[in-house]
PDB file of N, CA and C in Angstrom:
ATOM      1  N   UNK A   1      43.476 -65.941 -59.322  1.00  0.00           N
ATOM      2  CA  UNK A   1      44.551 -65.807 -59.936  1.00  0.00           C
ATOM      3  C   UNK A   1      44.306 -65.788 -61.306  1.00  0.00           C
ATOM      4  N   UNK A   2      45.232 -65.024 -61.992  1.00  0.00           N
ATOM      5  CA  UNK A   2      44.844 -64.855 -63.262  1.00  0.00           C
ATOM      6  C   UNK A   2      46.216 -65.427 -64.113  1.00  0.00           C
ATOM      7  N   UNK A   3      45.626 -66.108 -65.174  1.00  0.00           N
ATOM      8  CA  UNK A   3      46.462 -67.261 -65.998  1.00  0.00           C
ATOM      9  C   UNK A   3      47.958 -66.580 -66.402  1.00  0.00           C
ATOM     10  N   UNK A   4      48.175 -65.273 -65.913  1.00  0.00           N
ATOM     11  CA  UNK A   4      49.461 -64.945 -66.116  1.00  0.00           C
ATOM     12  C   UNK A   4      50.263 -64.732 -65.005  1.00  0.00           C
ATOM     13  N   UNK A   5      49.782 -65.298 -63.798  1.00  0.00           N
ATOM     14  CA  UNK A   5      50.181 -65.140 -62.213  1.00  0.00           C
ATOM     15  C   UNK A   5      50.488 -66.669 -61.884  1.00  0.00           C
ATOM     16  N   UNK A   6      51.397 -67.087 -62.440  1.00  0.00           N
ATOM     17  CA  UNK A   6      51.953 -68.347 -62.074  1.00  0.00           C
ATOM     18  C   UNK A   6      53.411 -68.475 -61.898  1.00  0.00           C
ATOM     19  N   UNK A   7      53.629 -69.633 -61.290  1.00  0.00           N
ATOM     20  CA  UNK A   7      55.338 -70.085 -61.139  1.00  0.00           C
ATOM     21  C   UNK A   7      55.560 -71.202 -62.153  1.00  0.00           C
ATOM     22  N   UNK A   8      54.753 -71.767 -62.960  1.00  0.00           N
ATOM     23  CA  UNK A   8      55.164 -72.779 -63.635  1.00  0.00           C
ATOM     24  C   UNK A   8      56.174 -72.406 -64.689  1.00  0.00           C
ATOM     25  N   UNK A   9      57.173 -73.614 -64.777  1.00  0.00           N
ATOM     26  CA  UNK A   9      58.138 -73.474 -65.477  1.00  0.00           C
ATOM     27  C   UNK A   9      58.020 -73.218 -67.244  1.00  0.00           C
ATOM     28  N   UNK A  10      56.990 -73.457 -67.395  1.00  0.00           N
ATOM     29  CA  UNK A  10      56.262 -73.642 -68.792  1.00  0.00           C
ATOM     30  C   UNK A  10      54.947 -72.633 -68.885  1.00  0.00           C
ATOM     31  N   UNK A  11      54.885 -72.150 -70.088  1.00  0.00           N
ATOM     32  CA  UNK A  11      53.540 -71.664 -70.171  1.00  0.00           C
ATOM     33  C   UNK A  11      52.394 -72.502 -70.761  1.00  0.00           C
ATOM     34  N   UNK A  12      51.126 -71.921 -70.621  1.00  0.00           N
ATOM     35  CA  UNK A  12      50.146 -72.904 -71.058  1.00  0.00           C
ATOM     36  C   UNK A  12      50.172 -73.201 -72.281  1.00  0.00           C
ATOM     37  N   UNK A  13      50.524 -72.316 -73.083  1.00  0.00           N
ATOM     38  CA  UNK A  13      50.383 -72.432 -74.520  1.00  0.00           C
ATOM     39  C   UNK A  13      51.764 -73.319 -74.947  1.00  0.00           C
ATOM     40  N   UNK A  14      52.447 -73.746 -74.011  1.00  0.00           N
ATOM     41  CA  UNK A  14      53.770 -74.556 -74.698  1.00  0.00           C
ATOM     42  C   UNK A  14      52.860 -76.065 -74.342  1.00  0.00           C
ATOM     43  N   UNK A  15      52.095 -76.146 -73.152  1.00  0.00           N
ATOM     44  CA  UNK A  15      51.571 -77.360 -72.659  1.00  0.00           C
ATOM     45  C   UNK A  15      50.590 -77.685 -73.545  1.00  0.00           C
ATOM     46  N   UNK A  16      49.937 -76.684 -74.082  1.00  0.00           N
ATOM     47  CA  UNK A  16      49.037 -77.018 -75.097  1.00  0.00           C
ATOM     48  C   UNK A  16      49.560 -77.669 -76.610  1.00  0.00           C
ATOM     49  N   UNK A  17      50.712 -77.121 -76.952  1.00  0.00           N
ATOM     50  CA  UNK A  17      51.514 -77.178 -78.019  1.00  0.00           C
ATOM     51  C   UNK A  17      51.790 -78.627 -77.816  1.00  0.00           C
ATOM     52  N   UNK A  18      52.647 -79.451 -76.538  1.00  0.00           N
ATOM     53  CA  UNK A  18      52.774 -80.691 -76.398  1.00  0.00           C
ATOM     54  C   UNK A  18      51.621 -81.337 -76.623  1.00  0.00           C
ATOM     55  N   UNK A  19      50.493 -81.030 -75.961  1.00  0.00           N
ATOM     56  CA  UNK A  19      49.321 -82.167 -75.940  1.00  0.00           C
ATOM     57  C   UNK A  19      48.765 -82.359 -77.461  1.00  0.00           C
ATOM     58  N   UNK A  20      49.109 -81.012 -78.185  1.00  0.00           N
ATOM     59  CA  UNK A  20      48.564 -81.387 -79.757  1.00  0.00           C
ATOM     60  C   UNK A  20      49.798 -82.562 -80.048  1.00  0.00           C
ATOM     61  N   UNK A  21      50.627 -82.584 -79.953  1.00  0.00           N
ATOM     62  CA  UNK A  21      51.763 -83.751 -80.459  1.00  0.00           C
ATOM     63  C   UNK A  21      51.698 -85.226 -80.003  1.00  0.00           C
ATOM     64  N   UNK A  22      50.817 -85.327 -79.050  1.00  0.00           N
ATOM     65  CA  UNK A  22      50.391 -86.558 -78.333  1.00  0.00           C
ATOM     66  C   UNK A  22      49.543 -87.315 -79.097  1.00  0.00           C
ATOM     67  N   UNK A  23      49.642 -88.435 -79.062  1.00  0.00           N
ATOM     68  CA  UNK A  23      48.984 -89.703 -79.917  1.00  0.00           C
ATOM     69  C   UNK A  23      47.311 -89.452 -79.472  1.00  0.00           C
ATOM     70  N   UNK A  24      46.249 -89.980 -79.982  1.00  0.00           N
ATOM     71  CA  UNK A  24      45.116 -89.919 -79.270  1.00  0.00           C
ATOM     72  C   UNK A  24      45.055 -90.781 -78.119  1.00  0.00           C
ATOM     73  N   UNK A  25      45.981 -92.188 -77.957  1.00  0.00           N
ATOM     74  CA  UNK A  25      45.894 -92.519 -77.088  1.00  0.00           C
ATOM     75  C   UNK A  25      46.786 -91.808 -75.810  1.00  0.00           C
ATOM     76  N   UNK A  26      47.504 -91.192 -75.974  1.00  0.00           N
ATOM     77  CA  UNK A  26      48.320 -90.645 -75.487  1.00  0.00           C
ATOM     78  C   UNK A  26      47.436 -89.482 -74.564  1.00  0.00           C
ATOM     79  N   UNK A  27      46.378 -88.866 -75.192  1.00  0.00           N
ATOM     80  CA  UNK A  27      45.727 -87.719 -74.625  1.00  0.00           C
ATOM     81  C   UNK A  27      44.301 -88.258 -74.021  1.00  0.00           C
ATOM     82  N   UNK A  28      44.262 -89.452 -74.449  1.00  0.00           N
ATOM     83  CA  UNK A  28      43.068 -90.129 -73.364  1.00  0.00           C
ATOM     84  C   UNK A  28      43.585 -90.870 -72.343  1.00  0.00           C
ATOM     85  N   UNK A  29      44.827 -91.083 -71.709  1.00  0.00           N
ATOM     86  CA  UNK A  29      45.435 -91.131 -70.973  1.00  0.00           C
ATOM     87  C   UNK A  29      45.618 -90.255 -69.741  1.00  0.00           C
ATOM     88  N   UNK A  30      46.076 -89.153 -70.827  1.00  0.00           N
ATOM     89  CA  UNK A  30      45.997 -87.810 -70.047  1.00  0.00           C
ATOM     90  C   UNK A  30      44.654 -87.260 -69.608  1.00  0.00           C
ATOM     91  N   UNK A  31      43.903 -87.293 -70.346  1.00  0.00           N
ATOM     92  CA  UNK A  31      42.613 -86.944 -69.718  1.00  0.00           C
ATOM     93  C   UNK A  31      41.938 -87.770 -68.790  1.00  0.00           C
ATOM     94  N   UNK A  32      42.209 -89.023 -68.428  1.00  0.00           N
ATOM     95  CA  UNK A  32      41.615 -90.068 -67.488  1.00  0.00           C
ATOM     96  C   UNK A  32      42.426 -89.465 -66.230  1.00  0.00           C
ATOM     97  N   UNK A  33      43.694 -89.400 -66.421  1.00  0.00           N
ATOM     98  CA  UNK A  33      44.516 -88.830 -65.199  1.00  0.00           C
ATOM     99  C   UNK A  33      43.954 -87.723 -64.703  1.00  0.00           C
ATOM    100  N   UNK A  34      43.889 -86.464 -65.638  1.00  0.00           N
ATOM    101  CA  UNK A  34      43.131 -85.128 -65.425  1.00  0.00           C
ATOM    102  C   UNK A  34      41.841 -85.159 -64.125  1.00  0.00           C
ATOM    103  N   UNK A  35      40.904 -86.276 -65.223  1.00  0.00           N
ATOM    104  CA  UNK A  35      39.919 -86.233 -64.511  1.00  0.00           C
ATOM    105  C   UNK A  35      39.880 -86.930 -62.971  1.00  0.00           C
ATOM    106  N   UNK A  36      40.726 -87.820 -62.934  1.00  0.00           N
ATOM    107  CA  UNK A  36      40.917 -88.527 -61.526  1.00  0.00           C
ATOM    108  C   UNK A  36      41.470 -87.769 -60.732  1.00  0.00           C
ATOM    109  N   UNK A  37      42.104 -86.697 -61.085  1.00  0.00           N
ATOM    110  CA  UNK A  37      43.045 -85.735 -60.251  1.00  0.00           C
ATOM    111  C   UNK A  37      42.294 -84.606 -59.785  1.00  0.00           C
ATOM    112  N   UNK A  38      41.504 -84.474 -58.732  1.00  0.00           N
ATOM    113  CA  UNK A  38      40.699 -83.377 -58.399  1.00  0.00           C
ATOM    114  C   UNK A  38      41.051 -82.239 -58.259  1.00  0.00           C
ATOM    115  N   UNK A  39      42.540 -81.927 -58.000  1.00  0.00           N
ATOM    116  CA  UNK A  39      43.404 -80.740 -57.824  1.00  0.00           C
ATOM    117  C   UNK A  39      43.445 -80.022 -59.209  1.00  0.00           C
ATOM    118  N   UNK A  40      43.784 -81.470 -60.016  1.00  0.00           N
ATOM    119  CA  UNK A  40      43.998 -80.956 -61.751  1.00  0.00           C
ATOM    120  C   UNK A  40      42.519 -80.332 -62.267  1.00  0.00           C
ATOM    121  N   UNK A  41      41.477 -80.856 -61.845  1.00  0.00           N
ATOM    122  CA  UNK A  41      40.271 -80.763 -62.357  1.00  0.00           C
ATOM    123  C   UNK A  41      39.944 -79.389 -61.926  1.00  0.00           C
ATOM    124  N   UNK A  42      40.218 -79.315 -60.456  1.00  0.00           N
ATOM    125  CA  UNK A  42      39.786 -77.673 -60.005  1.00  0.00           C
ATOM    126  C   UNK A  42      40.829 -76.722 -61.126  1.00  0.00           C
ATOM    127  N   UNK A  43      41.960 -77.022 -61.185  1.00  0.00           N
ATOM    128  CA  UNK A  43      42.803 -75.805 -61.460  1.00  0.00           C
ATOM    129  C   UNK A  43      42.357 -75.683 -63.419  1.00  0.00           C
ATOM    130  N   UNK A  44      42.131 -76.669 -63.820  1.00  0.00           N
ATOM    131  CA  UNK A  44      41.691 -76.754 -65.284  1.00  0.00           C
ATOM    132  C   UNK A  44      40.135 -75.813 -65.236  1.00  0.00           C
ATOM    133  N   UNK A  45      39.558 -76.028 -64.237  1.00  0.00           N
ATOM    134  CA  UNK A  45      37.968 -75.500 -64.221  1.00  0.00           C
ATOM    135  C   UNK A  45      38.055 -74.000 -64.142  1.00  0.00           C
ATOM    136  N   UNK A  46      39.232 -73.490 -63.529  1.00  0.00           N
ATOM    137  CA  UNK A  46      39.256 -72.240 -62.998  1.00  0.00           C
ATOM    138  C   UNK A  46      38.697 -71.193 -63.765  1.00  0.00           C
ATOM    139  N   UNK A  47      39.675 -71.262 -64.838  1.00  0.00           N
ATOM    140  CA  UNK A  47      39.398 -70.018 -65.843  1.00  0.00           C
ATOM    141  C   UNK A  47      38.040 -69.996 -66.613  1.00  0.00           C
ATOM    142  N   UNK A  48      37.276 -71.228 -66.703  1.00  0.00           N
ATOM    143  CA  UNK A  48      36.108 -71.021 -66.944  1.00  0.00           C
ATOM    144  C   UNK A  48      35.074 -70.544 -66.182  1.00  0.00           C
ATOM    145  N   UNK A  49      35.343 -71.033 -64.642  1.00  0.00           N
ATOM    146  CA  UNK A  49      34.275 -70.607 -63.686  1.00  0.00           C
ATOM    147  C   UNK A  49      34.591 -69.219 -63.392  1.00  0.00           C
ATOM    148  N   UNK A  50      35.874 -68.725 -63.335  1.00  0.00           N
ATOM    149  CA  UNK A  50      36.294 -67.209 -63.297  1.00  0.00           C
ATOM    150  C   UNK A  50      35.345 -66.334 -63.977  1.00  0.00           C
ATOM    151  N   UNK A  51      35.064 -66.770 -65.042  1.00  0.00           N
ATOM    152  CA  UNK A  51      34.003 -65.885 -65.830  1.00  0.00           C
ATOM    153  C   UNK A  51      32.774 -65.251 -64.955  1.00  0.00           C
ATOM    154  N   UNK A  52      32.220 -66.309 -64.272  1.00  0.00           N
ATOM    155  CA  UNK A  52      31.003 -66.190 -63.548  1.00  0.00           C
ATOM    156  C   UNK A  52      31.717 -65.473 -62.257  1.00  0.00           C
ATOM    157  N   UNK A  53      32.460 -65.777 -61.779  1.00  0.00           N
ATOM    158  CA  UNK A  53      33.059 -65.365 -60.295  1.00  0.00           C
ATOM    159  C   UNK A  53      33.483 -64.026 -60.292  1.00  0.00           C
ATOM    160  N   UNK A  54      33.976 -63.517 -61.608  1.00  0.00           N
ATOM    161  CA  UNK A  54      34.496 -61.805 -61.800  1.00  0.00           C
ATOM    162  C   UNK A  54      33.245 -61.005 -62.136  1.00  0.00           C
ATOM    163  N   UNK A  55      32.133 -61.363 -62.069  1.00  0.00           N
ATOM    164  CA  UNK A  55      31.282 -60.474 -62.277  1.00  0.00           C
ATOM    165  C   UNK A  55      30.873 -59.432 -61.047  1.00  0.00           C
ATOM    166  N   UNK A  56      30.143 -58.335 -61.590  1.00  0.00           N
ATOM    167  CA  UNK A  56      29.729 -57.283 -60.378  1.00  0.00           C
ATOM    168  C   UNK A  56      28.576 -57.770 -59.342  1.00  0.00           C
ATOM    169  N   UNK A  57      27.874 -58.518 -60.234  1.00  0.00           N
ATOM    170  CA  UNK A  57      26.790 -59.183 -59.278  1.00  0.00           C
ATOM    171  C   UNK A  57      27.200 -60.379 -58.482  1.00  0.00           C
ATOM    172  N   UNK A  58      28.302 -61.007 -58.581  1.00  0.00           N
ATOM    173  CA  UNK A  58      28.812 -62.155 -57.752  1.00  0.00           C
ATOM    174  C   UNK A  58      29.622 -61.033 -56.520  1.00  0.00           C
ATOM    175  N   UNK A  59      30.333 -59.927 -57.104  1.00  0.00           N
ATOM    176  CA  UNK A  59      31.221 -59.083 -55.810  1.00  0.00           C
ATOM    177  C   UNK A  59      30.128 -58.565 -54.802  1.00  0.00           C
ATOM    178  N   UNK A  60      28.786 -58.140 -55.282  1.00  0.00           N
ATOM    179  CA  UNK A  60      27.941 -57.890 -54.375  1.00  0.00           C
ATOM    180  C   UNK A  60      27.122 -58.865 -53.599  1.00  0.00           C
ATOM    181  N   UNK A  61      27.193 -60.122 -53.961  1.00  0.00           N
ATOM    182  CA  UNK A  61      26.773 -61.217 -53.284  1.00  0.00           C
ATOM    183  C   UNK A  61      27.468 -61.569 -52.162  1.00  0.00           C
ATOM    184  N   UNK A  62      28.924 -61.572 -52.523  1.00  0.00           N
ATOM    185  CA  UNK A  62      29.945 -62.060 -51.415  1.00  0.00           C
ATOM    186  C   UNK A  62      30.377 -60.991 -50.623  1.00  0.00           C
ATOM    187  N   UNK A  63      30.192 -59.384 -50.710  1.00  0.00           N
ATOM    188  CA  UNK A  63      30.593 -58.456 -50.145  1.00  0.00           C
ATOM    189  C   UNK A  63      30.439 -58.401 -48.625  1.00  0.00           C
ATOM    190  N   UNK A  64      29.562 -59.005 -47.915  1.00  0.00           N
ATOM    191  CA  UNK A  64      29.304 -58.782 -46.678  1.00  0.00           C
ATOM    192  C   UNK A  64      30.252 -60.437 -46.117  1.00  0.00           C
ATOM    193  N   UNK A  65      30.632 -61.025 -46.717  1.00  0.00           N
ATOM    194  CA  UNK A  65      31.132 -62.147 -46.076  1.00  0.00           C
ATOM    195  C   UNK A  65      32.915 -61.906 -45.673  1.00  0.00           C
TER     196      UNK A  65
END
Protein backbone atom coordinates (compact mmCIF):
# COMPACT_ATOMS: atom_id res chain seq x y z
CA UNK A 1 0.00 0.00 0.00
CA UNK A 2 1.32 3.41 -0.89
CA UNK A 3 1.06 6.15 1.73
CA UNK A 4 -1.65 7.93 -0.26
CA UNK A 5 -3.86 4.82 -0.31
CA UNK A 6 -5.55 4.76 3.08
CA UNK A 7 -8.86 5.47 4.72
CA UNK A 8 -7.58 7.44 7.69
CA UNK A 9 -9.56 10.55 8.65
CA UNK A 10 -6.30 12.55 8.87
CA UNK A 11 -3.12 12.71 6.84
CA UNK A 12 0.29 11.59 8.04
CA UNK A 13 1.44 15.22 7.95
CA UNK A 14 -1.42 16.14 10.32
CA UNK A 15 -0.39 13.37 12.71
CA UNK A 16 3.24 14.50 12.58
CA UNK A 17 2.21 18.11 13.22
CA UNK A 18 0.24 16.97 16.28
CA UNK A 19 3.20 14.93 17.56
CA UNK A 20 5.53 17.92 17.17
CA UNK A 21 3.23 19.86 19.48
CA UNK A 22 3.39 17.19 22.21
CA UNK A 23 5.64 17.58 25.21
CA UNK A 24 8.73 15.42 25.53
CA UNK A 25 6.96 13.29 28.14
CA UNK A 26 3.94 12.81 25.87
CA UNK A 27 6.25 11.78 23.02
CA UNK A 28 7.94 9.21 25.27
CA UNK A 29 4.56 7.74 26.25
CA UNK A 30 3.47 7.62 22.60
CA UNK A 31 6.73 5.98 21.53
CA UNK A 32 6.45 3.35 24.27
CA UNK A 33 2.86 2.60 23.24
CA UNK A 34 3.85 2.27 19.58
CA UNK A 35 6.80 0.01 20.38
CA UNK A 36 4.56 -2.22 22.48
CA UNK A 37 1.93 -2.44 19.75
CA UNK A 38 3.04 -4.95 17.12
CA UNK A 39 0.50 -3.76 14.55
CA UNK A 40 1.51 -0.11 14.96
CA UNK A 41 5.17 -1.04 14.70
CA UNK A 42 4.48 -2.99 11.53
CA UNK A 43 2.58 -0.09 9.98
CA UNK A 44 5.26 2.39 10.98
CA UNK A 45 7.98 0.18 9.49
CA UNK A 46 6.26 -0.42 6.16
CA UNK A 47 7.44 2.74 4.33
CA UNK A 48 11.03 2.07 5.30
CA UNK A 49 10.89 -1.60 4.38
CA UNK A 50 9.06 -0.95 1.11
CA UNK A 51 12.22 0.66 -0.28
CA UNK A 52 13.76 -2.82 -0.26
CA UNK A 53 10.57 -4.64 -1.19
CA UNK A 54 9.87 -2.61 -4.31
CA UNK A 55 13.14 -3.38 -6.08
CA UNK A 56 13.39 -5.30 -9.35
CA UNK A 57 15.63 -7.83 -7.61
CA UNK A 58 12.94 -8.51 -4.99
CA UNK A 59 10.27 -8.86 -7.68
CA UNK A 60 12.37 -11.49 -9.46
CA UNK A 61 13.05 -13.35 -6.23
CA UNK A 62 9.34 -13.68 -5.43
CA UNK A 63 8.08 -14.09 -9.01
CA UNK A 64 7.69 -17.87 -8.74
CA UNK A 65 5.56 -17.82 -5.59
